[in-house]
């Protein structure tokens, strides 16, 4: 017998409402629930990594979350079982590979294999946060290219296509031998900061690698752009050097894709304040927030740190008043609907 608790089942039936969501019809950052659908060939499942986001997506689409049980044997092995018929179905499997990364990745691989062996017509892996994305090249002798290996594992397990959110490097799409839809959280973040109507706003890239992302965001916000030059002196340790651009007397918004230990973020904020910035905000898609990140943010000069719910926050992060979480369930839901209906995904982000 395989021990399964009620908490380990990923089954839900969303409340019904009277309105249907049309992709791209509502503002991109807005979330509007839809009427329950009766398309038995369209199914959504989830692992245990971010069950809350999966339920929000299902509520948005008016679909029930697929029935699956996920448990572990006493020796630590993961056990999964799909508990409903998926033969001939267009299946979307939602699972970010966040902490504990290896456990959630293994769950995802086993769930894909179970769906494939149950004769699902098409399996799309929905990965709001793609772990191992920062290990995308050989920067030292005799190291793996881990993100390429993970992409190969997903394909070998049986995934037919992938939907990912804000990859650390867009070229990681080339590691997959299946179609990849790369979507961005920027519509949700831009909408939030537009409503604040900041005067004299400068969007700041915390390093040279994020300039393209920051330039795109600054264009959407119709704001100035600045870059912080930094030098990395060790693993997870950076030394900020100087600010390139005019930030004196201006409100600065630090833009990044991931906040991990928050070391770079806090030092960037300090450099901006020392350069004369009036106030410093930050936004990022993926709130990894590992180690001392929450404590560093709390003690920093940051006015607010805005993140999305691609990764579930820890209790400490949820209780930190400086951290604001925005939902991207509607954005992912519209993308899933477009993939299922085979309509344009790019029009949702242009």
C-alpha atoms as a PDB file:
ATOM      1  CA  UNK A   1       0.000   0.000   0.000  1.00  0.00           C
ATOM      2  CA  UNK A   2       1.165   3.508  -0.757  1.00  0.00           C
ATOM      3  CA  UNK A   3       0.473   6.004   2.053  1.00  0.00           C
ATOM      4  CA  UNK A   4      -1.370   9.025   0.701  1.00  0.00           C
ATOM      5  CA  UNK A   5      -2.781  11.847   2.772  1.00  0.00           C
ATOM      6  CA  UNK A   6      -5.531  14.219   1.716  1.00  0.00           C
ATOM      7  CA  UNK A   7      -3.011  17.050   1.587  1.00  0.00           C
ATOM      8  CA  UNK A   8      -0.972  15.160  -1.002  1.00  0.00           C
ATOM      9  CA  UNK A   9      -3.835  14.951  -3.488  1.00  0.00           C
ATOM     10  CA  UNK A  10      -4.008  17.730  -6.032  1.00  0.00           C
ATOM     11  CA  UNK A  11      -7.736  17.738  -6.685  1.00  0.00           C
ATOM     12  CA  UNK A  12      -9.978  20.793  -6.756  1.00  0.00           C
ATOM     13  CA  UNK A  13     -13.185  21.997  -8.362  1.00  0.00           C
ATOM     14  CA  UNK A  14     -13.267  25.777  -8.877  1.00  0.00           C
ATOM     15  CA  UNK A  15     -16.261  27.943  -8.210  1.00  0.00           C
ATOM     16  CA  UNK A  16     -18.343  28.841 -11.234  1.00  0.00           C
ATOM     17  CA  UNK A  17     -19.149  32.300 -12.505  1.00  0.00           C
ATOM     18  CA  UNK A  18     -21.084  33.679 -15.449  1.00  0.00           C
ATOM     19  CA  UNK A  19     -18.270  35.156 -17.557  1.00  0.00           C
ATOM     20  CA  UNK A  20     -15.866  33.505 -19.998  1.00  0.00           C
ATOM     21  CA  UNK A  21     -12.300  34.756 -20.390  1.00  0.00           C
ATOM     22  CA  UNK A  22     -11.236  35.731 -23.875  1.00  0.00           C
ATOM     23  CA  UNK A  23      -7.472  35.750 -24.408  1.00  0.00           C
ATOM     24  CA  UNK A  24      -6.168  39.298 -24.585  1.00  0.00           C
ATOM     25  CA  UNK A  25      -9.626  40.841 -24.003  1.00  0.00           C
ATOM     26  CA  UNK A  26      -8.983  42.076 -20.456  1.00  0.00           C
ATOM     27  CA  UNK A  27      -5.981  44.086 -19.195  1.00  0.00           C
ATOM     28  CA  UNK A  28      -2.952  41.830 -19.095  1.00  0.00           C
ATOM     29  CA  UNK A  29      -2.423  42.152 -15.377  1.00  0.00           C
ATOM     30  CA  UNK A  30      -6.050  41.566 -14.443  1.00  0.00           C
ATOM     31  CA  UNK A  31      -7.437  38.232 -13.381  1.00  0.00           C
ATOM     32  CA  UNK A  32     -11.070  37.346 -14.149  1.00  0.00           C
ATOM     33  CA  UNK A  33     -12.532  33.917 -13.327  1.00  0.00           C
ATOM     34  CA  UNK A  34     -14.505  32.143 -16.011  1.00  0.00           C
ATOM     35  CA  UNK A  35     -17.403  29.739 -16.227  1.00  0.00           C
ATOM     36  CA  UNK A  36     -16.589  26.046 -15.738  1.00  0.00           C
ATOM     37  CA  UNK A  37     -15.823  24.280 -19.016  1.00  0.00           C
ATOM     38  CA  UNK A  38     -16.960  20.865 -20.180  1.00  0.00           C
ATOM     39  CA  UNK A  39     -14.001  20.134 -22.477  1.00  0.00           C
ATOM     40  CA  UNK A  40     -13.070  16.646 -21.260  1.00  0.00           C
ATOM     41  CA  UNK A  41     -10.077  16.568 -23.607  1.00  0.00           C
ATOM     42  CA  UNK A  42      -8.445  19.574 -21.903  1.00  0.00           C
ATOM     43  CA  UNK A  43      -6.925  18.756 -18.523  1.00  0.00           C
ATOM     44  CA  UNK A  44      -4.612  20.492 -16.060  1.00  0.00           C
ATOM     45  CA  UNK A  45      -2.550  18.709 -13.425  1.00  0.00           C
ATOM     46  CA  UNK A  46      -0.087  19.920 -10.824  1.00  0.00           C
ATOM     47  CA  UNK A  47       2.728  18.619  -8.688  1.00  0.00           C
ATOM     48  CA  UNK A  48       3.218  19.779  -5.112  1.00  0.00           C
ATOM     49  CA  UNK A  49       5.677  22.620  -5.851  1.00  0.00           C
ATOM     50  CA  UNK A  50       3.102  25.413  -6.216  1.00  0.00           C
ATOM     51  CA  UNK A  51      -0.370  24.024  -5.755  1.00  0.00           C
ATOM     52  CA  UNK A  52      -1.775  27.476  -4.983  1.00  0.00           C
ATOM     53  CA  UNK A  53      -0.791  28.903  -8.372  1.00  0.00           C
ATOM     54  CA  UNK A  54      -2.181  25.833 -10.164  1.00  0.00           C
ATOM     55  CA  UNK A  55      -5.533  26.278  -8.414  1.00  0.00           C
ATOM     56  CA  UNK A  56      -5.624  29.969  -9.367  1.00  0.00           C
ATOM     57  CA  UNK A  57      -4.960  29.080 -13.002  1.00  0.00           C
ATOM     58  CA  UNK A  58      -7.747  26.492 -12.964  1.00  0.00           C
ATOM     59  CA  UNK A  59     -10.122  29.009 -11.372  1.00  0.00           C
ATOM     60  CA  UNK A  60      -9.256  31.500 -14.100  1.00  0.00           C
ATOM     61  CA  UNK A  61      -9.907  28.956 -16.871  1.00  0.00           C
ATOM     62  CA  UNK A  62     -12.974  27.403 -15.259  1.00  0.00           C
ATOM     63  CA  UNK A  63     -11.403  23.947 -15.251  1.00  0.00           C
ATOM     64  CA  UNK A  64     -11.092  21.444 -12.388  1.00  0.00           C
ATOM     65  CA  UNK A  65      -7.583  20.567 -11.298  1.00  0.00           C
ATOM     66  CA  UNK A  66      -6.814  17.004 -12.399  1.00  0.00           C
ATOM     67  CA  UNK A  67      -6.816  14.221  -9.837  1.00  0.00           C
ATOM     68  CA  UNK A  68      -3.395  12.842  -8.985  1.00  0.00           C
ATOM     69  CA  UNK A  69      -1.784  11.480  -5.855  1.00  0.00           C
ATOM     70  CA  UNK A  70       1.844  12.136  -5.006  1.00  0.00           C
ATOM     71  CA  UNK A  71       3.518  10.475  -2.045  1.00  0.00           C
ATOM     72  CA  UNK A  72       6.859   9.053  -0.946  1.00  0.00           C
ATOM     73  CA  UNK A  73       7.933   5.581   0.104  1.00  0.00           C
ATOM     74  CA  UNK A  74       9.692   5.167   3.429  1.00  0.00           C
ATOM     75  CA  UNK A  75      13.061   5.030   1.644  1.00  0.00           C
ATOM     76  CA  UNK A  76      12.448   8.462   0.064  1.00  0.00           C
ATOM     77  CA  UNK A  77      11.426   7.365  -3.438  1.00  0.00           C
ATOM     78  CA  UNK A  78       8.663   9.436  -5.047  1.00  0.00           C
ATOM     79  CA  UNK A  79       5.421   7.717  -6.046  1.00  0.00           C
ATOM     80  CA  UNK A  80       2.830   9.275  -8.365  1.00  0.00           C
ATOM     81  CA  UNK A  81      -0.445   8.101  -9.868  1.00  0.00           C
ATOM     82  CA  UNK A  82      -2.844   9.862 -12.242  1.00  0.00           C
ATOM     83  CA  UNK A  83      -6.329   9.134 -10.874  1.00  0.00           C
ATOM     84  CA  UNK A  84      -8.490   9.941 -13.887  1.00  0.00           C
ATOM     85  CA  UNK A  85      -8.705   9.060 -17.569  1.00  0.00           C
ATOM     86  CA  UNK A  86      -6.400  11.144 -19.797  1.00  0.00           C
ATOM     87  CA  UNK A  87      -6.500   9.046 -22.965  1.00  0.00           C
ATOM     88  CA  UNK A  88      -6.433  11.378 -25.981  1.00  0.00           C
ATOM     89  CA  UNK A  89      -6.413  14.498 -23.784  1.00  0.00           C
ATOM     90  CA  UNK A  90      -4.463  17.738 -24.206  1.00  0.00           C
ATOM     91  CA  UNK A  91      -2.737  17.825 -20.815  1.00  0.00           C
ATOM     92  CA  UNK A  92      -0.924  20.699 -19.094  1.00  0.00           C
ATOM     93  CA  UNK A  93       1.323  19.766 -16.173  1.00  0.00           C
ATOM     94  CA  UNK A  94       2.120  22.720 -13.874  1.00  0.00           C
ATOM     95  CA  UNK A  95       5.258  22.403 -11.750  1.00  0.00           C
ATOM     96  CA  UNK A  96       7.961  24.987 -11.006  1.00  0.00           C
ATOM     97  CA  UNK A  97      11.278  23.364 -10.092  1.00  0.00           C
ATOM     98  CA  UNK A  98      11.840  25.417  -6.955  1.00  0.00           C
ATOM     99  CA  UNK A  99      13.152  24.394  -3.534  1.00  0.00           C
ATOM    100  CA  UNK A 100      13.563  21.472  -2.945  1.00  0.00           C
ATOM    101  CA  UNK A 101      14.607  21.561  -6.602  1.00  0.00           C
ATOM    102  CA  UNK A 102      15.559  17.935  -7.162  1.00  0.00           C
ATOM    103  CA  UNK A 103      12.410  16.581  -5.493  1.00  0.00           C
ATOM    104  CA  UNK A 104      10.122  18.773  -7.593  1.00  0.00           C
ATOM    105  CA  UNK A 105      12.029  17.968 -10.770  1.00  0.00           C
ATOM    106  CA  UNK A 106      11.705  14.238 -10.068  1.00  0.00           C
ATOM    107  CA  UNK A 107       7.978  14.637  -9.422  1.00  0.00           C
ATOM    108  CA  UNK A 108       7.609  16.412 -12.745  1.00  0.00           C
ATOM    109  CA  UNK A 109       9.488  13.728 -14.669  1.00  0.00           C
ATOM    110  CA  UNK A 110       7.450  10.920 -13.110  1.00  0.00           C
ATOM    111  CA  UNK A 111       4.152  12.728 -13.714  1.00  0.00           C
ATOM    112  CA  UNK A 112       5.061  13.253 -17.379  1.00  0.00           C
ATOM    113  CA  UNK A 113       5.942   9.577 -17.742  1.00  0.00           C
ATOM    114  CA  UNK A 114       2.674   8.533 -16.087  1.00  0.00           C
ATOM    115  CA  UNK A 115       0.674  10.756 -18.462  1.00  0.00           C
ATOM    116  CA  UNK A 116       2.549   9.455 -21.497  1.00  0.00           C
ATOM    117  CA  UNK A 117       1.920   5.833 -20.508  1.00  0.00           C
ATOM    118  CA  UNK A 118      -1.756   6.692 -19.919  1.00  0.00           C
ATOM    119  CA  UNK A 119      -1.996   7.738 -23.618  1.00  0.00           C
ATOM    120  CA  UNK A 120      -2.363  11.487 -23.230  1.00  0.00           C
ATOM    121  CA  UNK A 121      -2.502  13.014 -26.730  1.00  0.00           C
ATOM    122  CA  UNK A 122      -0.180  15.933 -25.924  1.00  0.00           C
ATOM    123  CA  UNK A 123       1.718  16.834 -22.753  1.00  0.00           C
ATOM    124  CA  UNK A 124       2.734  20.455 -22.165  1.00  0.00           C
ATOM    125  CA  UNK A 125       4.952  21.094 -19.156  1.00  0.00           C
ATOM    126  CA  UNK A 126       4.175  24.472 -17.566  1.00  0.00           C
ATOM    127  CA  UNK A 127       7.276  25.524 -15.601  1.00  0.00           C
ATOM    128  CA  UNK A 128       6.731  28.952 -14.001  1.00  0.00           C
ATOM    129  CA  UNK A 129      10.261  28.790 -12.572  1.00  0.00           C
ATOM    130  CA  UNK A 130      12.862  26.760 -14.461  1.00  0.00           C
ATOM    131  CA  UNK A 131      15.470  25.558 -11.967  1.00  0.00           C
ATOM    132  CA  UNK A 132      19.090  25.071 -13.059  1.00  0.00           C
ATOM    133  CA  UNK A 133      18.633  27.946 -15.552  1.00  0.00           C
ATOM    134  CA  UNK A 134      21.702  29.732 -14.204  1.00  0.00           C
ATOM    135  CA  UNK A 135      23.885  26.721 -15.027  1.00  0.00           C
ATOM    136  CA  UNK A 136      23.559  27.330 -18.769  1.00  0.00           C
ATOM    137  CA  UNK A 137      27.202  27.256 -19.900  1.00  0.00           C
ATOM    138  CA  UNK A 138      30.668  25.906 -19.066  1.00  0.00           C
ATOM    139  CA  UNK A 139      32.182  28.796 -17.144  1.00  0.00           C
ATOM    140  CA  UNK A 140      34.782  26.571 -15.437  1.00  0.00           C
ATOM    141  CA  UNK A 141      36.642  23.417 -16.474  1.00  0.00           C
ATOM    142  CA  UNK A 142      34.863  20.067 -16.021  1.00  0.00           C
ATOM    143  CA  UNK A 143      31.413  21.373 -15.071  1.00  0.00           C
ATOM    144  CA  UNK A 144      28.085  20.254 -16.579  1.00  0.00           C
ATOM    145  CA  UNK A 145      25.634  22.372 -18.543  1.00  0.00           C
ATOM    146  CA  UNK A 146      22.848  21.484 -16.146  1.00  0.00           C
ATOM    147  CA  UNK A 147      20.003  23.389 -17.804  1.00  0.00           C
ATOM    148  CA  UNK A 148      20.627  21.498 -21.055  1.00  0.00           C
ATOM    149  CA  UNK A 149      20.504  18.195 -19.166  1.00  0.00           C
ATOM    150  CA  UNK A 150      17.192  19.142 -17.506  1.00  0.00           C
ATOM    151  CA  UNK A 151      15.717  20.059 -20.902  1.00  0.00           C
ATOM    152  CA  UNK A 152      16.800  16.662 -22.259  1.00  0.00           C
ATOM    153  CA  UNK A 153      15.279  14.878 -19.252  1.00  0.00           C
ATOM    154  CA  UNK A 154      11.913  16.573 -19.791  1.00  0.00           C
ATOM    155  CA  UNK A 155      11.896  15.585 -23.452  1.00  0.00           C
ATOM    156  CA  UNK A 156      12.953  12.010 -22.719  1.00  0.00           C
ATOM    157  CA  UNK A 157      10.229  11.693 -20.070  1.00  0.00           C
ATOM    158  CA  UNK A 158       7.640  12.459 -22.753  1.00  0.00           C
ATOM    159  CA  UNK A 159       6.928  16.209 -22.789  1.00  0.00           C
ATOM    160  CA  UNK A 160       5.671  17.399 -26.192  1.00  0.00           C
ATOM    161  CA  UNK A 161       6.105  21.116 -25.561  1.00  0.00           C
ATOM    162  CA  UNK A 162       7.062  23.493 -22.755  1.00  0.00           C
ATOM    163  CA  UNK A 163       5.718  26.747 -21.357  1.00  0.00           C
ATOM    164  CA  UNK A 164       8.250  28.673 -19.258  1.00  0.00           C
ATOM    165  CA  UNK A 165       8.209  32.087 -17.587  1.00  0.00           C
ATOM    166  CA  UNK A 166      11.134  34.548 -17.713  1.00  0.00           C
ATOM    167  CA  UNK A 167      14.096  32.278 -18.351  1.00  0.00           C
ATOM    168  CA  UNK A 168      17.364  33.532 -16.895  1.00  0.00           C
ATOM    169  CA  UNK A 169      18.763  33.493 -20.443  1.00  0.00           C
ATOM    170  CA  UNK A 170      16.344  33.385 -23.425  1.00  0.00           C
ATOM    171  CA  UNK A 171      18.713  31.181 -25.425  1.00  0.00           C
ATOM    172  CA  UNK A 172      17.959  28.290 -23.044  1.00  0.00           C
ATOM    173  CA  UNK A 173      14.972  27.708 -25.332  1.00  0.00           C
ATOM    174  CA  UNK A 174      17.509  26.258 -27.765  1.00  0.00           C
ATOM    175  CA  UNK A 175      18.362  23.495 -25.277  1.00  0.00           C
ATOM    176  CA  UNK A 176      14.929  21.956 -25.885  1.00  0.00           C
ATOM    177  CA  UNK A 177      14.191  19.749 -28.893  1.00  0.00           C
ATOM    178  CA  UNK A 178      10.471  20.467 -28.496  1.00  0.00           C
ATOM    179  CA  UNK A 179       8.497  23.710 -29.030  1.00  0.00           C
ATOM    180  CA  UNK A 180       8.921  26.220 -26.197  1.00  0.00           C
ATOM    181  CA  UNK A 181       6.609  29.124 -25.372  1.00  0.00           C
ATOM    182  CA  UNK A 182       8.652  31.670 -23.420  1.00  0.00           C
ATOM    183  CA  UNK A 183       6.351  34.161 -21.702  1.00  0.00           C
ATOM    184  CA  UNK A 184       7.130  37.174 -19.540  1.00  0.00           C
ATOM    185  CA  UNK A 185       5.743  38.552 -16.300  1.00  0.00           C
ATOM    186  CA  UNK A 186       6.436  42.123 -17.443  1.00  0.00           C
ATOM    187  CA  UNK A 187       2.775  42.921 -18.325  1.00  0.00           C
ATOM    188  CA  UNK A 188       1.797  42.295 -14.680  1.00  0.00           C
ATOM    189  CA  UNK A 189       4.768  44.210 -13.258  1.00  0.00           C
ATOM    190  CA  UNK A 190       4.445  47.139 -15.683  1.00  0.00           C
ATOM    191  CA  UNK A 191       0.742  47.475 -14.893  1.00  0.00           C
ATOM    192  CA  UNK A 192       1.497  47.623 -11.145  1.00  0.00           C
ATOM    193  CA  UNK A 193       4.147  50.334 -11.391  1.00  0.00           C
ATOM    194  CA  UNK A 194       2.227  52.389 -13.966  1.00  0.00           C
ATOM    195  CA  UNK A 195      -0.527  52.798 -11.404  1.00  0.00           C
ATOM    196  CA  UNK A 196       1.972  54.359  -8.985  1.00  0.00           C
ATOM    197  CA  UNK A 197       2.676  57.137 -11.526  1.00  0.00           C
ATOM    198  CA  UNK A 198       6.209  57.793 -10.305  1.00  0.00           C
ATOM    199  CA  UNK A 199       7.728  61.093 -11.514  1.00  0.00           C
ATOM    200  CA  UNK A 200      11.342  60.976 -12.679  1.00  0.00           C
ATOM    201  CA  UNK A 201      11.542  57.172 -12.741  1.00  0.00           C
ATOM    202  CA  UNK A 202      14.759  55.382 -13.707  1.00  0.00           C
ATOM    203  CA  UNK A 203      14.764  51.641 -14.403  1.00  0.00           C
ATOM    204  CA  UNK A 204      18.032  50.085 -13.238  1.00  0.00           C
ATOM    205  CA  UNK A 205      19.718  46.901 -14.427  1.00  0.00           C
ATOM    206  CA  UNK A 206      21.787  45.407 -11.568  1.00  0.00           C
ATOM    207  CA  UNK A 207      24.349  44.020 -14.031  1.00  0.00           C
ATOM    208  CA  UNK A 208      25.342  44.176 -17.697  1.00  0.00           C
ATOM    209  CA  UNK A 209      23.579  40.876 -18.449  1.00  0.00           C
ATOM    210  CA  UNK A 210      20.173  42.318 -17.593  1.00  0.00           C
ATOM    211  CA  UNK A 211      20.407  45.446 -19.757  1.00  0.00           C
ATOM    212  CA  UNK A 212      18.145  44.127 -22.512  1.00  0.00           C
ATOM    213  CA  UNK A 213      15.459  43.207 -19.974  1.00  0.00           C
ATOM    214  CA  UNK A 214      15.728  46.608 -18.265  1.00  0.00           C
ATOM    215  CA  UNK A 215      15.695  48.490 -21.595  1.00  0.00           C
ATOM    216  CA  UNK A 216      12.457  46.750 -22.621  1.00  0.00           C
ATOM    217  CA  UNK A 217      10.876  47.549 -19.229  1.00  0.00           C
ATOM    218  CA  UNK A 218      12.019  51.183 -19.354  1.00  0.00           C
ATOM    219  CA  UNK A 219      10.499  51.561 -22.811  1.00  0.00           C
ATOM    220  CA  UNK A 220       7.171  50.253 -21.545  1.00  0.00           C
ATOM    221  CA  UNK A 221       7.333  52.628 -18.567  1.00  0.00           C
ATOM    222  CA  UNK A 222       8.588  55.545 -20.704  1.00  0.00           C
ATOM    223  CA  UNK A 223      11.409  56.067 -18.215  1.00  0.00           C
ATOM    224  CA  UNK A 224      15.193  56.538 -18.112  1.00  0.00           C
ATOM    225  CA  UNK A 225      17.662  53.647 -17.912  1.00  0.00           C
ATOM    226  CA  UNK A 226      20.713  53.104 -15.704  1.00  0.00           C
ATOM    227  CA  UNK A 227      23.162  50.248 -15.209  1.00  0.00           C
ATOM    228  CA  UNK A 228      25.101  49.179 -12.141  1.00  0.00           C
ATOM    229  CA  UNK A 229      28.554  47.820 -12.873  1.00  0.00           C
ATOM    230  CA  UNK A 230      29.472  45.047 -10.462  1.00  0.00           C
ATOM    231  CA  UNK A 231      32.325  42.666  -9.958  1.00  0.00           C
ATOM    232  CA  UNK A 232      31.706  39.159  -8.637  1.00  0.00           C
ATOM    233  CA  UNK A 233      34.388  38.228  -6.100  1.00  0.00           C
ATOM    234  CA  UNK A 234      33.082  34.768  -5.168  1.00  0.00           C
ATOM    235  CA  UNK A 235      30.148  32.396  -5.378  1.00  0.00           C
ATOM    236  CA  UNK A 236      27.013  34.298  -4.281  1.00  0.00           C
ATOM    237  CA  UNK A 237      29.231  37.287  -3.327  1.00  0.00           C
ATOM    238  CA  UNK A 238      29.327  40.480  -5.393  1.00  0.00           C
ATOM    239  CA  UNK A 239      30.973  43.853  -5.040  1.00  0.00           C
ATOM    240  CA  UNK A 240      29.137  46.784  -6.588  1.00  0.00           C
ATOM    241  CA  UNK A 241      31.510  49.182  -8.351  1.00  0.00           C
ATOM    242  CA  UNK A 242      29.665  52.204  -9.749  1.00  0.00           C
ATOM    243  CA  UNK A 243      26.437  53.460 -11.335  1.00  0.00           C
ATOM    244  CA  UNK A 244      26.248  54.247 -15.045  1.00  0.00           C
ATOM    245  CA  UNK A 245      23.461  56.748 -15.677  1.00  0.00           C
ATOM    246  CA  UNK A 246      21.729  59.644 -13.954  1.00  0.00           C
ATOM    247  CA  UNK A 247      19.927  58.610 -10.753  1.00  0.00           C
ATOM    248  CA  UNK A 248      20.424  61.684  -8.557  1.00  0.00           C
ATOM    249  CA  UNK A 249      17.114  62.954  -7.167  1.00  0.00           C
ATOM    250  CA  UNK A 250      15.176  60.265  -9.028  1.00  0.00           C
ATOM    251  CA  UNK A 251      13.089  57.251  -8.022  1.00  0.00           C
ATOM    252  CA  UNK A 252      14.916  54.076  -9.051  1.00  0.00           C
ATOM    253  CA  UNK A 253      13.392  50.705  -9.902  1.00  0.00           C
ATOM    254  CA  UNK A 254      15.833  47.765  -9.868  1.00  0.00           C
ATOM    255  CA  UNK A 255      14.693  45.122 -12.335  1.00  0.00           C
ATOM    256  CA  UNK A 256      15.883  41.501 -12.306  1.00  0.00           C
ATOM    257  CA  UNK A 257      14.523  38.073 -13.183  1.00  0.00           C
ATOM    258  CA  UNK A 258      15.535  36.325  -9.931  1.00  0.00           C
ATOM    259  CA  UNK A 259      16.096  37.421  -6.349  1.00  0.00           C
ATOM    260  CA  UNK A 260      18.061  34.644  -4.665  1.00  0.00           C
ATOM    261  CA  UNK A 261      20.125  35.611  -1.622  1.00  0.00           C
ATOM    262  CA  UNK A 262      19.376  39.328  -2.265  1.00  0.00           C
ATOM    263  CA  UNK A 263      23.084  40.202  -1.923  1.00  0.00           C
ATOM    264  CA  UNK A 264      23.266  41.865  -5.345  1.00  0.00           C
ATOM    265  CA  UNK A 265      19.924  43.594  -4.798  1.00  0.00           C
ATOM    266  CA  UNK A 266      20.862  45.147  -1.453  1.00  0.00           C
ATOM    267  CA  UNK A 267      24.292  46.306  -2.654  1.00  0.00           C
ATOM    268  CA  UNK A 268      22.737  47.777  -5.787  1.00  0.00           C
ATOM    269  CA  UNK A 269      20.224  49.660  -3.644  1.00  0.00           C
ATOM    270  CA  UNK A 270      23.040  50.976  -1.455  1.00  0.00           C
ATOM    271  CA  UNK A 271      25.012  52.128  -4.494  1.00  0.00           C
ATOM    272  CA  UNK A 272      21.966  53.954  -5.899  1.00  0.00           C
ATOM    273  CA  UNK A 273      21.239  55.718  -2.612  1.00  0.00           C
ATOM    274  CA  UNK A 274      24.886  56.757  -2.323  1.00  0.00           C
ATOM    275  CA  UNK A 275      24.633  58.121  -5.891  1.00  0.00           C
ATOM    276  CA  UNK A 276      21.760  60.369  -4.802  1.00  0.00           C
ATOM    277  CA  UNK A 277      18.643  58.313  -5.612  1.00  0.00           C
ATOM    278  CA  UNK A 278      15.570  59.645  -3.820  1.00  0.00           C
ATOM    279  CA  UNK A 279      13.901  56.243  -3.328  1.00  0.00           C
ATOM    280  CA  UNK A 280      14.644  52.700  -4.479  1.00  0.00           C
ATOM    281  CA  UNK A 281      12.131  50.004  -5.441  1.00  0.00           C
ATOM    282  CA  UNK A 282      12.776  46.561  -6.846  1.00  0.00           C
ATOM    283  CA  UNK A 283      10.835  44.041  -8.893  1.00  0.00           C
ATOM    284  CA  UNK A 284      11.594  40.526 -10.085  1.00  0.00           C
ATOM    285  CA  UNK A 285       9.687  37.584 -11.482  1.00  0.00           C
ATOM    286  CA  UNK A 286      11.105  34.761  -9.364  1.00  0.00           C
ATOM    287  CA  UNK A 287      11.343  35.186  -5.590  1.00  0.00           C
ATOM    288  CA  UNK A 288      13.776  32.395  -4.700  1.00  0.00           C
ATOM    289  CA  UNK A 289      14.709  34.269  -1.490  1.00  0.00           C
ATOM    290  CA  UNK A 290      17.131  31.689  -0.145  1.00  0.00           C
ATOM    291  CA  UNK A 291      19.380  31.947   2.908  1.00  0.00           C
ATOM    292  CA  UNK A 292      19.464  35.439   4.470  1.00  0.00           C
ATOM    293  CA  UNK A 293      17.480  37.099   1.656  1.00  0.00           C
ATOM    294  CA  UNK A 294      14.417  38.156   3.670  1.00  0.00           C
ATOM    295  CA  UNK A 295      16.536  39.536   6.533  1.00  0.00           C
ATOM    296  CA  UNK A 296      18.696  41.484   4.076  1.00  0.00           C
ATOM    297  CA  UNK A 297      15.637  43.000   2.394  1.00  0.00           C
ATOM    298  CA  UNK A 298      14.143  43.920   5.759  1.00  0.00           C
ATOM    299  CA  UNK A 299      17.285  45.771   6.869  1.00  0.00           C
ATOM    300  CA  UNK A 300      17.961  47.423   3.491  1.00  0.00           C
ATOM    301  CA  UNK A 301      17.000  50.852   2.210  1.00  0.00           C
ATOM    302  CA  UNK A 302      14.546  49.376  -0.287  1.00  0.00           C
ATOM    303  CA  UNK A 303      11.085  50.930  -0.174  1.00  0.00           C
ATOM    304  CA  UNK A 304       9.344  47.891  -1.693  1.00  0.00           C
ATOM    305  CA  UNK A 305      10.225  44.596  -3.391  1.00  0.00           C
ATOM    306  CA  UNK A 306       7.598  43.387  -5.884  1.00  0.00           C
ATOM    307  CA  UNK A 307       7.652  39.758  -7.032  1.00  0.00           C
ATOM    308  CA  UNK A 308       5.268  37.294  -8.682  1.00  0.00           C
ATOM    309  CA  UNK A 309       3.926  33.975  -7.414  1.00  0.00           C
ATOM    310  CA  UNK A 310       5.892  31.693  -9.757  1.00  0.00           C
ATOM    311  CA  UNK A 311       7.437  30.362  -6.531  1.00  0.00           C
ATOM    312  CA  UNK A 312       5.490  30.041  -3.257  1.00  0.00           C
ATOM    313  CA  UNK A 313       6.914  32.345  -0.604  1.00  0.00           C
ATOM    314  CA  UNK A 314       8.142  31.157   2.770  1.00  0.00           C
ATOM    315  CA  UNK A 315       6.320  32.212   5.927  1.00  0.00           C
ATOM    316  CA  UNK A 316       9.091  34.725   6.682  1.00  0.00           C
ATOM    317  CA  UNK A 317       8.790  36.289   3.216  1.00  0.00           C
ATOM    318  CA  UNK A 318       4.989  36.493   3.458  1.00  0.00           C
ATOM    319  CA  UNK A 319       5.233  38.324   6.759  1.00  0.00           C
ATOM    320  CA  UNK A 320       7.822  40.841   5.514  1.00  0.00           C
ATOM    321  CA  UNK A 321       5.956  44.137   4.834  1.00  0.00           C
ATOM    322  CA  UNK A 322       8.452  45.241   2.165  1.00  0.00           C
ATOM    323  CA  UNK A 323       7.654  42.245  -0.057  1.00  0.00           C
ATOM    324  CA  UNK A 324       4.612  42.533  -2.346  1.00  0.00           C
ATOM    325  CA  UNK A 325       3.392  39.517  -4.360  1.00  0.00           C
ATOM    326  CA  UNK A 326       1.506  39.800  -7.667  1.00  0.00           C
ATOM    327  CA  UNK A 327      -0.315  36.870  -9.257  1.00  0.00           C
ATOM    328  CA  UNK A 328       0.473  35.776 -12.817  1.00  0.00           C
ATOM    329  CA  UNK A 329      -2.257  33.111 -12.839  1.00  0.00           C
ATOM    330  CA  UNK A 330      -4.307  35.053 -15.394  1.00  0.00           C
ATOM    331  CA  UNK A 331      -1.309  35.549 -17.662  1.00  0.00           C
ATOM    332  CA  UNK A 332      -0.383  31.846 -17.591  1.00  0.00           C
ATOM    333  CA  UNK A 333      -4.045  30.883 -17.921  1.00  0.00           C
ATOM    334  CA  UNK A 334      -4.485  32.946 -21.079  1.00  0.00           C
ATOM    335  CA  UNK A 335      -1.314  31.404 -22.520  1.00  0.00           C
ATOM    336  CA  UNK A 336      -2.501  27.868 -21.755  1.00  0.00           C
ATOM    337  CA  UNK A 337      -5.832  28.627 -23.413  1.00  0.00           C
ATOM    338  CA  UNK A 338      -4.061  29.967 -26.511  1.00  0.00           C
ATOM    339  CA  UNK A 339      -1.898  26.849 -26.752  1.00  0.00           C
ATOM    340  CA  UNK A 340      -4.911  24.569 -26.389  1.00  0.00           C
ATOM    341  CA  UNK A 341      -6.931  26.511 -28.961  1.00  0.00           C
ATOM    342  CA  UNK A 342      -3.844  26.909 -31.186  1.00  0.00           C
ATOM    343  CA  UNK A 343      -4.097  30.688 -31.368  1.00  0.00           C
ATOM    344  CA  UNK A 344      -1.274  33.234 -31.142  1.00  0.00           C
ATOM    345  CA  UNK A 345       0.564  33.448 -27.832  1.00  0.00           C
ATOM    346  CA  UNK A 346       2.725  36.436 -28.763  1.00  0.00           C
ATOM    347  CA  UNK A 347      -0.285  38.743 -29.094  1.00  0.00           C
ATOM    348  CA  UNK A 348      -0.750  38.466 -25.324  1.00  0.00           C
ATOM    349  CA  UNK A 349       2.600  40.172 -24.692  1.00  0.00           C
ATOM    350  CA  UNK A 350       2.993  42.679 -27.545  1.00  0.00           C
END
